[in-house]
Structures are given as C-alpha cells and as structure tokens.
N, C-alpha and C. Protein backbone atom coordinates (compact mmCIF):
# COMPACT_ATOMS: atom_id res chain seq x y z
N MET A 1 -3.29 71.89 16.75
CA MET A 1 -3.58 70.77 15.31
C MET A 1 -2.99 69.81 16.57
N LYS A 2 -3.95 68.75 16.22
CA LYS A 2 -3.87 67.68 17.26
C LYS A 2 -2.53 66.66 17.13
N THR A 3 -2.50 66.37 15.83
CA THR A 3 -1.25 65.54 15.29
C THR A 3 0.04 66.12 15.65
N GLY A 4 0.34 67.17 15.44
CA GLY A 4 1.13 68.47 16.17
C GLY A 4 2.11 68.09 17.94
N THR A 5 1.11 68.36 18.35
CA THR A 5 0.89 67.74 20.16
C THR A 5 1.42 66.02 19.98
N THR A 6 0.55 65.55 19.16
CA THR A 6 1.27 63.79 19.42
C THR A 6 2.77 63.46 18.79
N VAL A 7 3.09 64.26 17.78
CA VAL A 7 4.86 63.99 17.18
C VAL A 7 5.45 64.49 18.18
N ARG A 8 5.03 65.86 19.11
CA ARG A 8 6.35 66.60 19.76
C ARG A 8 5.97 65.29 20.86
N ALA A 9 4.95 64.79 21.39
CA ALA A 9 4.97 64.41 22.34
C ALA A 9 6.10 63.17 22.38
N ARG A 10 5.70 62.08 21.30
CA ARG A 10 6.42 61.06 20.74
C ARG A 10 7.92 61.23 20.71
N ALA A 11 8.03 62.80 20.20
CA ALA A 11 9.47 62.68 20.23
C ALA A 11 10.28 63.10 21.44
N ALA A 12 9.40 63.97 22.70
CA ALA A 12 10.30 63.71 23.82
C ALA A 12 10.28 62.65 24.55
N ALA A 13 8.97 61.54 24.48
CA ALA A 13 9.44 60.39 25.24
C ALA A 13 10.70 59.54 24.21
N CYS A 14 11.06 59.72 23.20
CA CYS A 14 12.16 59.30 22.12
C CYS A 14 13.30 59.47 23.06
N ALA A 15 13.42 60.97 22.87
CA ALA A 15 14.67 61.32 23.22
C ALA A 15 14.82 61.20 24.85
N ALA A 16 13.98 60.67 25.95
CA ALA A 16 13.98 60.37 27.22
C ALA A 16 14.11 58.76 27.15
N LEU A 17 13.64 58.00 26.05
CA LEU A 17 13.87 56.87 26.43
C LEU A 17 15.48 56.54 25.87
N GLY A 18 16.42 57.60 25.05
CA GLY A 18 17.30 57.46 24.18
C GLY A 18 17.27 56.32 23.14
N VAL A 19 18.51 55.36 23.16
CA VAL A 19 18.22 54.50 21.67
C VAL A 19 16.90 53.66 21.45
N PHE A 20 16.57 53.09 22.99
CA PHE A 20 15.72 52.12 23.04
C PHE A 20 14.53 53.16 21.96
N GLY A 21 13.98 54.08 22.56
CA GLY A 21 13.17 54.93 22.02
C GLY A 21 12.61 54.62 20.42
N ILE A 22 14.24 55.05 19.95
CA ILE A 22 14.31 55.28 18.31
C ILE A 22 14.32 53.78 17.48
N VAL A 23 15.09 52.42 18.40
CA VAL A 23 15.00 51.12 17.91
C VAL A 23 13.53 50.99 18.06
N MET A 24 12.73 50.83 19.30
CA MET A 24 11.60 49.90 19.55
C MET A 24 10.67 51.06 19.90
N PRO A 25 9.78 51.54 18.90
CA PRO A 25 9.17 52.60 18.95
C PRO A 25 7.89 52.62 20.28
N LEU A 26 7.24 53.43 20.38
CA LEU A 26 6.13 53.26 21.89
C LEU A 26 4.88 52.36 20.70
N GLY A 27 4.52 51.64 22.41
CA GLY A 27 3.65 51.00 21.88
C GLY A 27 3.62 49.25 21.18
N ALA A 28 5.26 49.16 21.09
CA ALA A 28 5.51 47.98 20.39
C ALA A 28 5.63 47.23 21.31
N VAL A 29 5.33 45.76 20.60
CA VAL A 29 5.63 44.48 21.55
C VAL A 29 6.57 43.66 22.04
N VAL A 30 6.73 44.21 23.51
CA VAL A 30 8.23 44.08 23.89
C VAL A 30 8.18 41.77 24.02
N PRO A 31 9.20 41.43 23.08
CA PRO A 31 9.11 40.01 23.52
C PRO A 31 9.83 39.27 24.51
N GLN A 32 9.37 38.10 24.84
CA GLN A 32 9.37 37.81 26.31
C GLN A 32 11.12 37.17 26.59
N GLY A 33 10.93 37.28 27.56
CA GLY A 33 12.92 37.25 27.91
C GLY A 33 13.12 38.78 28.51
N TRP A 34 12.85 39.71 27.35
CA TRP A 34 13.04 40.90 27.77
C TRP A 34 13.06 41.29 28.77
N SER A 35 13.30 42.17 29.71
CA SER A 35 13.22 43.00 31.16
C SER A 35 13.58 44.07 31.32
N PRO A 36 12.72 45.00 31.68
CA PRO A 36 13.54 46.26 32.38
C PRO A 36 14.18 46.12 33.30
N THR A 37 13.68 45.41 34.09
CA THR A 37 14.72 45.23 35.34
C THR A 37 16.17 45.27 35.24
N ALA A 38 16.83 45.38 36.13
CA ALA A 38 18.60 45.17 36.02
C ALA A 38 18.57 43.51 35.95
N VAL A 39 19.39 43.43 35.90
CA VAL A 39 20.19 42.05 35.30
C VAL A 39 21.53 42.20 36.52
N ALA A 40 21.55 41.07 37.44
CA ALA A 40 22.64 41.30 38.26
C ALA A 40 23.63 40.74 37.40
N GLN A 41 25.05 41.58 37.57
CA GLN A 41 26.19 40.94 37.38
C GLN A 41 27.28 40.53 37.94
N ALA A 42 27.91 39.85 37.24
CA ALA A 42 29.54 39.20 38.29
C ALA A 42 30.67 40.22 38.86
N ALA A 43 30.91 40.26 39.64
CA ALA A 43 31.67 41.37 40.79
C ALA A 43 33.31 41.01 39.91
N PRO A 44 34.19 41.99 39.34
CA PRO A 44 35.12 41.72 38.74
C PRO A 44 36.28 40.84 39.10
N GLY A 45 36.96 39.48 38.31
CA GLY A 45 37.59 38.69 39.10
C GLY A 45 36.65 37.96 39.58
N GLU A 46 35.48 37.69 39.37
CA GLU A 46 34.79 36.49 40.01
C GLU A 46 34.52 35.63 38.98
N ASN A 47 35.12 35.38 37.41
CA ASN A 47 34.81 34.95 36.36
C ASN A 47 36.24 34.11 35.70
N LEU A 48 36.98 34.55 37.02
CA LEU A 48 38.55 33.90 36.35
C LEU A 48 38.27 32.70 37.26
N ALA A 49 39.42 31.73 36.45
CA ALA A 49 39.63 30.74 36.82
C ALA A 49 40.88 30.91 38.09
N PRO A 50 40.91 29.70 38.95
CA PRO A 50 41.97 30.01 40.59
C PRO A 50 43.24 29.96 39.60
N ASP A 51 44.31 30.78 39.91
CA ASP A 51 45.84 30.82 39.59
C ASP A 51 46.43 29.62 40.79
N PRO A 52 47.31 28.99 39.96
CA PRO A 52 47.85 27.60 40.81
C PRO A 52 48.72 28.60 41.67
N SER A 53 49.35 29.29 41.58
CA SER A 53 50.34 29.79 42.61
C SER A 53 49.38 30.58 44.01
N GLY A 54 48.16 30.88 43.71
CA GLY A 54 47.04 31.71 44.54
C GLY A 54 46.73 32.93 44.76
N SER A 55 47.45 33.63 43.42
CA SER A 55 47.39 34.77 43.75
C SER A 55 46.72 34.96 41.64
N ASN A 56 45.75 35.80 41.81
CA ASN A 56 45.44 36.69 40.72
C ASN A 56 45.91 37.70 39.60
N SER A 57 46.99 38.30 40.06
CA SER A 57 47.66 39.20 40.21
C SER A 57 48.93 39.02 38.85
N LEU A 58 48.73 40.10 37.87
CA LEU A 58 49.73 40.22 36.70
C LEU A 58 51.03 41.18 37.01
N SER A 59 51.55 41.05 38.22
CA SER A 59 52.68 41.79 38.73
C SER A 59 53.88 41.60 37.68
N ARG A 60 54.92 42.25 37.44
CA ARG A 60 55.86 42.39 36.70
C ARG A 60 56.77 41.22 37.04
N GLY A 61 56.82 40.47 37.93
CA GLY A 61 57.31 39.28 38.30
C GLY A 61 56.78 37.85 37.42
N ASP A 62 54.79 38.26 36.94
CA ASP A 62 54.86 36.74 36.28
C ASP A 62 55.31 36.77 34.78
N LEU A 63 56.07 37.90 34.25
CA LEU A 63 56.33 38.01 32.90
C LEU A 63 57.76 37.44 32.73
N PRO A 64 57.79 36.40 31.34
CA PRO A 64 59.01 35.91 30.97
C PRO A 64 60.24 37.29 31.45
N ALA A 65 61.25 36.42 31.36
CA ALA A 65 62.75 37.08 31.21
C ALA A 65 62.92 37.44 29.79
N PRO A 66 63.55 38.48 29.35
CA PRO A 66 63.33 38.92 28.18
C PRO A 66 64.76 37.74 27.73
N SER A 67 64.82 37.80 26.45
CA SER A 67 65.64 36.40 25.65
C SER A 67 67.19 37.59 25.69
N THR A 68 68.40 36.34 26.03
CA THR A 68 69.23 37.19 25.96
C THR A 68 70.16 37.12 24.58
N GLU A 69 69.83 35.86 23.49
CA GLU A 69 70.82 36.07 22.37
C GLU A 69 70.25 37.34 21.69
N LYS A 70 71.75 37.54 20.83
CA LYS A 70 72.02 38.39 20.20
C LYS A 70 71.12 38.52 18.73
N LYS A 71 70.18 39.31 18.79
CA LYS A 71 69.66 39.21 17.08
C LYS A 71 71.06 39.49 15.87
N ALA A 72 70.46 38.78 15.16
CA ALA A 72 70.92 38.88 13.98
C ALA A 72 71.35 40.46 12.91
N LYS A 73 72.12 40.54 13.04
CA LYS A 73 72.53 42.24 11.86
C LYS A 73 71.71 42.02 10.53
N PRO A 74 71.15 42.78 10.27
CA PRO A 74 70.40 42.92 8.58
C PRO A 74 71.54 42.94 7.66
N ASP A 75 71.55 42.14 6.54
CA ASP A 75 72.49 42.47 5.35
C ASP A 75 72.71 43.15 4.82
N PRO A 76 73.65 44.25 4.79
CA PRO A 76 74.32 45.58 3.86
C PRO A 76 73.43 45.79 2.58
N ILE A 77 72.92 46.76 2.54
CA ILE A 77 72.54 47.24 1.58
C ILE A 77 72.93 47.96 0.38
N TYR A 78 74.00 47.89 -0.87
CA TYR A 78 74.92 48.47 -1.19
C TYR A 78 73.97 49.47 -2.35
N SER A 79 73.67 50.76 -2.61
CA SER A 79 73.41 50.88 -3.85
C SER A 79 73.88 51.50 -5.13
N SER A 80 75.40 51.49 -4.69
CA SER A 80 76.13 51.18 -5.84
C SER A 80 77.69 51.05 -5.53
N CYS A 81 78.46 50.71 -6.42
CA CYS A 81 80.01 49.89 -6.20
C CYS A 81 80.79 50.89 -5.48
N GLU A 82 80.48 52.19 -6.14
CA GLU A 82 81.41 53.30 -5.24
C GLU A 82 81.20 53.51 -3.67
N GLN A 83 79.62 52.96 -3.47
CA GLN A 83 79.20 53.13 -1.96
C GLN A 83 80.11 52.19 -1.22
N VAL A 84 80.78 50.80 -1.93
CA VAL A 84 81.26 49.62 -1.64
C VAL A 84 82.54 49.84 -1.70
N TRP A 85 83.30 50.44 -2.43
CA TRP A 85 84.64 50.69 -2.30
C TRP A 85 84.64 51.83 -1.30
N ASP A 86 84.21 52.97 -1.43
CA ASP A 86 84.29 54.09 -0.10
C ASP A 86 84.54 53.28 1.43
N GLN A 87 83.67 52.09 1.49
CA GLN A 87 83.90 51.50 2.44
C GLN A 87 84.50 50.64 2.69
N GLY A 88 85.68 50.33 2.19
CA GLY A 88 86.66 49.17 1.71
C GLY A 88 86.14 47.87 1.76
N LYS A 89 84.97 47.72 1.13
CA LYS A 89 84.67 46.57 0.61
C LYS A 89 84.49 46.13 -0.36
N GLY A 90 84.56 44.62 -1.39
CA GLY A 90 84.42 44.52 -2.37
C GLY A 90 85.99 44.00 -2.64
N PRO A 91 85.58 42.96 -3.80
CA PRO A 91 84.52 42.60 -4.04
C PRO A 91 83.90 41.92 -3.67
N ILE A 92 82.87 41.65 -3.86
CA ILE A 92 81.21 40.91 -3.08
C ILE A 92 81.40 39.90 -4.00
N TYR A 93 81.39 38.12 -3.08
CA TYR A 93 81.18 37.33 -4.22
C TYR A 93 79.51 36.72 -3.86
N GLU A 94 79.03 36.22 -4.74
CA GLU A 94 77.64 35.56 -4.54
C GLU A 94 77.52 34.77 -3.69
N GLY A 95 76.27 35.12 -2.83
CA GLY A 95 76.12 34.03 -1.17
C GLY A 95 76.81 35.06 -0.11
N GLN A 96 77.66 35.86 -0.29
CA GLN A 96 78.04 36.82 0.78
C GLN A 96 77.07 38.14 1.15
N PRO A 97 76.90 38.98 2.79
CA PRO A 97 76.10 39.46 2.66
C PRO A 97 76.63 40.66 2.03
N GLY A 98 75.54 41.35 1.09
CA GLY A 98 75.51 42.70 0.18
C GLY A 98 75.97 42.35 -1.13
N TYR A 99 75.58 41.09 -1.49
CA TYR A 99 75.93 41.15 -2.97
C TYR A 99 74.27 41.25 -3.65
N SER A 100 74.37 41.44 -4.40
CA SER A 100 73.26 41.74 -5.18
C SER A 100 73.34 41.75 -6.89
N THR A 101 72.39 41.40 -7.62
CA THR A 101 72.80 41.16 -9.04
C THR A 101 72.62 42.40 -9.51
N PHE A 102 72.22 43.89 -8.73
CA PHE A 102 72.47 45.17 -9.79
C PHE A 102 73.16 45.52 -9.26
N LEU A 103 74.95 45.06 -8.76
CA LEU A 103 76.18 45.61 -8.12
C LEU A 103 76.62 44.56 -9.44
N ASP A 104 76.50 43.16 -9.89
CA ASP A 104 77.18 42.26 -10.65
C ASP A 104 76.54 42.16 -12.31
N PRO A 105 77.12 43.36 -12.98
CA PRO A 105 76.05 44.16 -14.17
C PRO A 105 76.33 42.35 -15.58
N ASP A 106 77.81 41.80 -15.00
CA ASP A 106 78.19 40.80 -16.03
C ASP A 106 77.79 39.22 -15.59
N HIS A 107 76.82 39.51 -14.63
CA HIS A 107 76.92 38.10 -14.13
C HIS A 107 77.48 37.20 -13.59
N ASN A 108 78.83 37.23 -13.09
CA ASN A 108 79.68 36.48 -13.29
C ASN A 108 79.79 35.78 -11.65
N GLY A 109 78.72 36.23 -10.85
CA GLY A 109 78.98 36.01 -9.24
C GLY A 109 80.01 36.93 -8.20
N VAL A 110 80.60 37.50 -8.97
CA VAL A 110 81.17 38.51 -8.42
C VAL A 110 80.55 40.09 -8.60
N ALA A 111 80.61 40.59 -7.49
CA ALA A 111 79.60 41.91 -7.80
C ALA A 111 81.07 43.33 -7.22
N CYS A 112 81.14 44.22 -7.88
CA CYS A 112 81.88 45.37 -7.39
C CYS A 112 83.24 45.08 -7.70
N ASP A 113 83.64 44.15 -8.81
CA ASP A 113 85.03 43.62 -9.03
C ASP A 113 85.77 45.14 -10.22
N ARG A 114 86.79 45.48 -9.91
CA ARG A 114 87.21 46.26 -10.63
C ARG A 114 87.71 45.86 -11.92
C-alpha cells in the first residue's frame, strides 16, 4: 500500500525533527523571520551591568550582616487553667501575655482566678 509507506515515512521524519515535526507538519510554510540557522547568544555575564566595586561576584562578603536584635518571644498559649497553675502563673489579667477569654468564663477580665 502506498498510503502506509507515506505515513511511515512521515512518522519517521516527524520523529527525526522532534517537537517541530509534530507542531509544524512537513511541507508547511515557514513564516518570514524564522530561520533554521543558529542564532548567536550572549556569553554568560555579558549582559550584566558593571558592578561599582569592579567585580561581578556574589561572594559571602557581599551579603548583609545578620541582625543582632533579639526576636520577641511569642505569647504563651494555655489550654486550661490547670496548666497555668501548674506553671506557677496566674491569675492572668486582660492585656497580659497568655490571657484568653476561653480561660475567663465569667468575663471579668481576670483569667484563672481561683
């Protein structure tokens, strides 16, 4: 069959052309500006703006020093008043770290009051 050999030949040509064989079928018109020739590429670092110090390196000395400020401790989160009392804390007043309306059932502004 002549059709079978044509299909096989086109399949082999598509496989040889890779993705372009699938995207652009054989015999398709190539738009102007598309060229099968290689395009020159810039060398690595050629497009970088010049560094004022005279080098384009990113060595460890170029990084900013880590901050020396102390990080704030997160507020404690208590699941029950027993946990507060076991740690020797309490009562906890509204506005203090660890206060929660969950721990203040009578909503008087004092959590874990005995």
